[in-house]
Structures are given as structure tokens and as C-alpha cells.
Amino acid sequence: MKRIKVDDAVQFKNSSGRVITGHVTKLEGAWATVWETDGSCYRLPLSAVKHAKDLTPSREAQSAFDSIITKAKLDQNVVPYGF
């Protein structure tokens, strides 16, 4: 099995059984931060995530992500936790 890396598309199930697909934005030891969509960011144990099929974010999702990063860099000259 391939190792999970930053920018990998991953899937996991939440406590209600919904399958969530997102991208890894940060790795810390045995933990991964996964960004699903604007306002939905999860910190999970690596054992809870698996690689998803190749996935390209929609233009809208990519634009929202880029806006968050740009605004954070302009406002604080740092990248927010998890991104």
C-alpha cells in the first residue's frame, strides 16, 4: 500500500457512516489533516484514511481553497493550521 502524502486524495468514514473525500493538507506523525471543502477540515489518525480514486477538485472548490490560502498569507503572513 502506498504511503499517504500531502496533496493525496483520501477517503474516510465519519461517525454517521458518511464517506468523505478530501485532500491531505498536513501530516503530523500519525495524524493527517484532510480538507474536504470550505469550512470542512478534519484531523484524523492515518489509520482512518485511505487513498481515494484520482480526483480533481472542481473549479469552485479549488478557487475557494486558493482564496483561503491567499487571504491567510495577506492577513497574517502565515498559513493557517491544517493548510
N, C-alpha and C. Protein backbone atom coordinates (compact mmCIF):
# COMPACT_ATOMS: atom_id res chain seq x y z
N MET A 1 0.84 -1.18 0.00
CA MET A 1 0.00 0.00 0.00
C MET A 1 0.89 1.25 0.00
N LYS A 2 0.54 2.21 -0.84
CA LYS A 2 1.32 3.45 -0.92
C LYS A 2 1.13 4.28 0.34
N ARG A 3 2.20 4.97 0.71
CA ARG A 3 2.17 5.85 1.87
C ARG A 3 1.34 7.09 1.55
N ILE A 4 0.59 7.58 2.50
CA ILE A 4 -0.20 8.81 2.34
C ILE A 4 0.76 10.00 2.41
N LYS A 5 0.58 10.94 1.47
CA LYS A 5 1.42 12.14 1.41
C LYS A 5 0.54 13.38 1.33
N VAL A 6 1.13 14.54 1.57
CA VAL A 6 0.42 15.81 1.42
C VAL A 6 -0.05 15.91 -0.04
N ASP A 7 -1.23 16.43 -0.25
CA ASP A 7 -1.91 16.60 -1.54
C ASP A 7 -2.56 15.33 -2.07
N ASP A 8 -2.42 14.20 -1.37
CA ASP A 8 -3.09 12.98 -1.82
C ASP A 8 -4.60 13.10 -1.62
N ALA A 9 -5.36 12.54 -2.54
CA ALA A 9 -6.80 12.43 -2.39
C ALA A 9 -7.07 11.22 -1.50
N VAL A 10 -7.86 11.42 -0.44
CA VAL A 10 -8.15 10.35 0.51
C VAL A 10 -9.64 10.29 0.82
N GLN A 11 -10.04 9.16 1.39
CA GLN A 11 -11.42 8.98 1.84
C GLN A 11 -11.40 8.47 3.27
N PHE A 12 -12.49 8.78 4.01
CA PHE A 12 -12.68 8.22 5.34
C PHE A 12 -14.17 8.26 5.65
N LYS A 13 -14.59 7.49 6.64
CA LYS A 13 -15.99 7.49 7.07
C LYS A 13 -16.09 8.27 8.37
N ASN A 14 -17.11 9.15 8.43
CA ASN A 14 -17.32 9.89 9.67
C ASN A 14 -18.17 9.04 10.62
N SER A 15 -18.48 9.57 11.79
CA SER A 15 -19.20 8.80 12.81
C SER A 15 -20.61 8.40 12.39
N SER A 16 -21.19 9.11 11.42
CA SER A 16 -22.53 8.74 10.95
C SER A 16 -22.48 7.81 9.74
N GLY A 17 -21.26 7.40 9.35
CA GLY A 17 -21.12 6.46 8.24
C GLY A 17 -21.00 7.09 6.87
N ARG A 18 -21.00 8.42 6.80
CA ARG A 18 -20.86 9.10 5.51
C ARG A 18 -19.41 9.00 5.03
N VAL A 19 -19.22 8.64 3.77
CA VAL A 19 -17.88 8.59 3.20
C VAL A 19 -17.51 10.00 2.75
N ILE A 20 -16.41 10.49 3.26
CA ILE A 20 -15.94 11.84 2.94
C ILE A 20 -14.66 11.73 2.13
N THR A 21 -14.59 12.49 1.07
CA THR A 21 -13.40 12.53 0.22
C THR A 21 -12.78 13.92 0.34
N GLY A 22 -11.48 13.97 0.49
CA GLY A 22 -10.79 15.24 0.60
C GLY A 22 -9.33 15.09 0.23
N HIS A 23 -8.56 16.13 0.51
CA HIS A 23 -7.13 16.13 0.21
C HIS A 23 -6.33 16.36 1.49
N VAL A 24 -5.24 15.65 1.63
CA VAL A 24 -4.36 15.81 2.78
C VAL A 24 -3.62 17.14 2.64
N THR A 25 -3.72 17.97 3.68
CA THR A 25 -3.05 19.27 3.65
C THR A 25 -1.87 19.33 4.60
N LYS A 26 -1.85 18.41 5.59
CA LYS A 26 -0.77 18.43 6.57
C LYS A 26 -0.64 17.05 7.19
N LEU A 27 0.60 16.65 7.45
CA LEU A 27 0.89 15.39 8.15
C LEU A 27 1.69 15.70 9.39
N GLU A 28 1.28 15.12 10.52
CA GLU A 28 1.99 15.29 11.79
C GLU A 28 2.05 13.93 12.47
N GLY A 29 3.19 13.28 12.37
CA GLY A 29 3.32 11.96 12.99
C GLY A 29 2.29 10.99 12.43
N ALA A 30 1.43 10.49 13.32
CA ALA A 30 0.41 9.53 12.92
C ALA A 30 -0.92 10.20 12.57
N TRP A 31 -0.92 11.51 12.36
CA TRP A 31 -2.15 12.27 12.10
C TRP A 31 -2.09 12.95 10.74
N ALA A 32 -3.26 13.06 10.11
CA ALA A 32 -3.40 13.75 8.83
C ALA A 32 -4.50 14.79 8.95
N THR A 33 -4.27 15.96 8.38
CA THR A 33 -5.32 16.97 8.28
C THR A 33 -5.87 16.88 6.87
N VAL A 34 -7.19 16.69 6.77
CA VAL A 34 -7.86 16.48 5.48
C VAL A 34 -8.84 17.62 5.23
N TRP A 35 -8.69 18.28 4.07
CA TRP A 35 -9.58 19.37 3.67
C TRP A 35 -10.60 18.82 2.69
N GLU A 36 -11.88 18.96 3.05
CA GLU A 36 -12.96 18.48 2.17
C GLU A 36 -13.47 19.63 1.32
N THR A 37 -13.91 20.68 1.95
CA THR A 37 -14.48 21.83 1.28
C THR A 37 -14.36 23.02 2.22
N ASP A 38 -14.69 24.20 1.74
CA ASP A 38 -14.61 25.40 2.56
C ASP A 38 -15.32 25.17 3.90
N GLY A 39 -14.60 25.27 4.99
CA GLY A 39 -15.18 25.10 6.31
C GLY A 39 -15.19 23.67 6.82
N SER A 40 -14.72 22.72 6.03
CA SER A 40 -14.71 21.31 6.45
C SER A 40 -13.29 20.76 6.40
N CYS A 41 -12.66 20.80 7.55
CA CYS A 41 -11.29 20.33 7.66
C CYS A 41 -11.25 19.37 8.85
N TYR A 42 -10.61 18.22 8.69
CA TYR A 42 -10.62 17.19 9.70
C TYR A 42 -9.20 16.78 10.06
N ARG A 43 -8.96 16.53 11.34
CA ARG A 43 -7.67 16.00 11.80
C ARG A 43 -7.93 14.56 12.21
N LEU A 44 -7.31 13.62 11.50
CA LEU A 44 -7.62 12.20 11.66
C LEU A 44 -6.36 11.36 11.83
N PRO A 45 -6.49 10.21 12.50
CA PRO A 45 -5.36 9.30 12.53
C PRO A 45 -5.15 8.72 11.13
N LEU A 46 -3.91 8.51 10.75
CA LEU A 46 -3.62 7.96 9.42
C LEU A 46 -4.33 6.63 9.20
N SER A 47 -4.56 5.87 10.25
CA SER A 47 -5.22 4.58 10.11
C SER A 47 -6.68 4.72 9.66
N ALA A 48 -7.26 5.92 9.79
CA ALA A 48 -8.65 6.13 9.41
C ALA A 48 -8.82 6.56 7.95
N VAL A 49 -7.73 6.90 7.27
CA VAL A 49 -7.85 7.38 5.89
C VAL A 49 -7.23 6.39 4.92
N LYS A 50 -7.81 6.35 3.72
CA LYS A 50 -7.25 5.51 2.66
C LYS A 50 -7.24 6.33 1.37
N HIS A 51 -6.40 5.93 0.44
CA HIS A 51 -6.32 6.64 -0.83
C HIS A 51 -7.66 6.56 -1.57
N ALA A 52 -8.05 7.68 -2.16
CA ALA A 52 -9.25 7.73 -2.98
C ALA A 52 -8.83 7.58 -4.44
N LYS A 53 -9.80 7.35 -5.28
CA LYS A 53 -9.50 7.35 -6.71
C LYS A 53 -9.01 8.73 -7.08
N ASP A 54 -8.24 8.81 -8.17
CA ASP A 54 -7.73 10.10 -8.61
C ASP A 54 -8.88 11.10 -8.68
N LEU A 55 -8.67 12.24 -8.14
CA LEU A 55 -9.75 13.20 -8.00
C LEU A 55 -9.23 14.60 -8.25
N THR A 56 -9.91 15.30 -9.08
CA THR A 56 -9.56 16.68 -9.38
C THR A 56 -10.65 17.57 -8.79
N PRO A 57 -10.27 18.54 -7.96
CA PRO A 57 -11.30 19.40 -7.37
C PRO A 57 -12.00 20.24 -8.44
N SER A 58 -13.26 20.56 -8.17
CA SER A 58 -13.98 21.43 -9.10
C SER A 58 -13.32 22.80 -9.11
N ARG A 59 -13.57 23.57 -10.15
CA ARG A 59 -13.01 24.93 -10.21
C ARG A 59 -13.44 25.74 -9.00
N GLU A 60 -14.69 25.56 -8.60
CA GLU A 60 -15.24 26.30 -7.46
C GLU A 60 -14.50 25.94 -6.17
N ALA A 61 -14.28 24.64 -5.94
CA ALA A 61 -13.58 24.20 -4.74
C ALA A 61 -12.13 24.67 -4.75
N GLN A 62 -11.46 24.57 -5.89
CA GLN A 62 -10.07 24.99 -5.99
C GLN A 62 -9.95 26.49 -5.77
N SER A 63 -10.89 27.26 -6.33
CA SER A 63 -10.89 28.70 -6.16
C SER A 63 -11.09 29.08 -4.69
N ALA A 64 -12.02 28.38 -4.00
CA ALA A 64 -12.26 28.64 -2.59
C ALA A 64 -11.00 28.35 -1.77
N PHE A 65 -10.35 27.23 -2.04
CA PHE A 65 -9.13 26.86 -1.33
C PHE A 65 -8.04 27.90 -1.57
N ASP A 66 -7.84 28.30 -2.84
CA ASP A 66 -6.82 29.29 -3.16
C ASP A 66 -7.10 30.62 -2.47
N SER A 67 -8.37 31.02 -2.40
CA SER A 67 -8.74 32.27 -1.73
C SER A 67 -8.41 32.23 -0.25
N ILE A 68 -8.68 31.09 0.40
CA ILE A 68 -8.39 30.95 1.83
C ILE A 68 -6.90 31.11 2.07
N ILE A 69 -6.10 30.42 1.27
CA ILE A 69 -4.65 30.47 1.44
C ILE A 69 -4.12 31.88 1.18
N THR A 70 -4.58 32.51 0.11
CA THR A 70 -4.12 33.86 -0.23
C THR A 70 -4.49 34.85 0.86
N LYS A 71 -5.74 34.79 1.35
CA LYS A 71 -6.18 35.71 2.39
C LYS A 71 -5.37 35.50 3.67
N ALA A 72 -5.12 34.25 4.02
CA ALA A 72 -4.34 33.97 5.23
C ALA A 72 -2.93 34.52 5.12
N LYS A 73 -2.34 34.36 3.97
CA LYS A 73 -0.98 34.86 3.77
C LYS A 73 -0.95 36.39 3.84
N LEU A 74 -1.96 37.05 3.26
CA LEU A 74 -2.02 38.50 3.28
C LEU A 74 -2.32 39.03 4.68
N ASP A 75 -3.28 38.39 5.38
CA ASP A 75 -3.70 38.87 6.70
C ASP A 75 -2.64 38.67 7.77
N GLN A 76 -1.99 37.51 7.75
CA GLN A 76 -1.10 37.18 8.86
C GLN A 76 0.31 36.82 8.42
N ASN A 77 0.50 36.78 7.14
CA ASN A 77 1.78 36.36 6.56
C ASN A 77 2.18 34.97 7.03
N VAL A 78 1.16 34.14 7.36
CA VAL A 78 1.38 32.75 7.74
C VAL A 78 0.27 31.91 7.11
N VAL A 79 0.47 30.62 7.09
CA VAL A 79 -0.55 29.71 6.58
C VAL A 79 -1.32 29.17 7.79
N PRO A 80 -2.67 29.16 7.76
CA PRO A 80 -3.44 28.71 8.91
C PRO A 80 -3.21 27.24 9.20
N TYR A 81 -3.46 26.83 10.45
CA TYR A 81 -3.28 25.44 10.85
C TYR A 81 -4.09 24.51 9.95
N GLY A 82 -3.44 23.48 9.48
CA GLY A 82 -4.12 22.48 8.69
C GLY A 82 -4.05 22.70 7.20
N PHE A 83 -3.49 23.80 6.77
CA PHE A 83 -3.40 24.07 5.32
C PHE A 83 -1.97 24.17 4.90
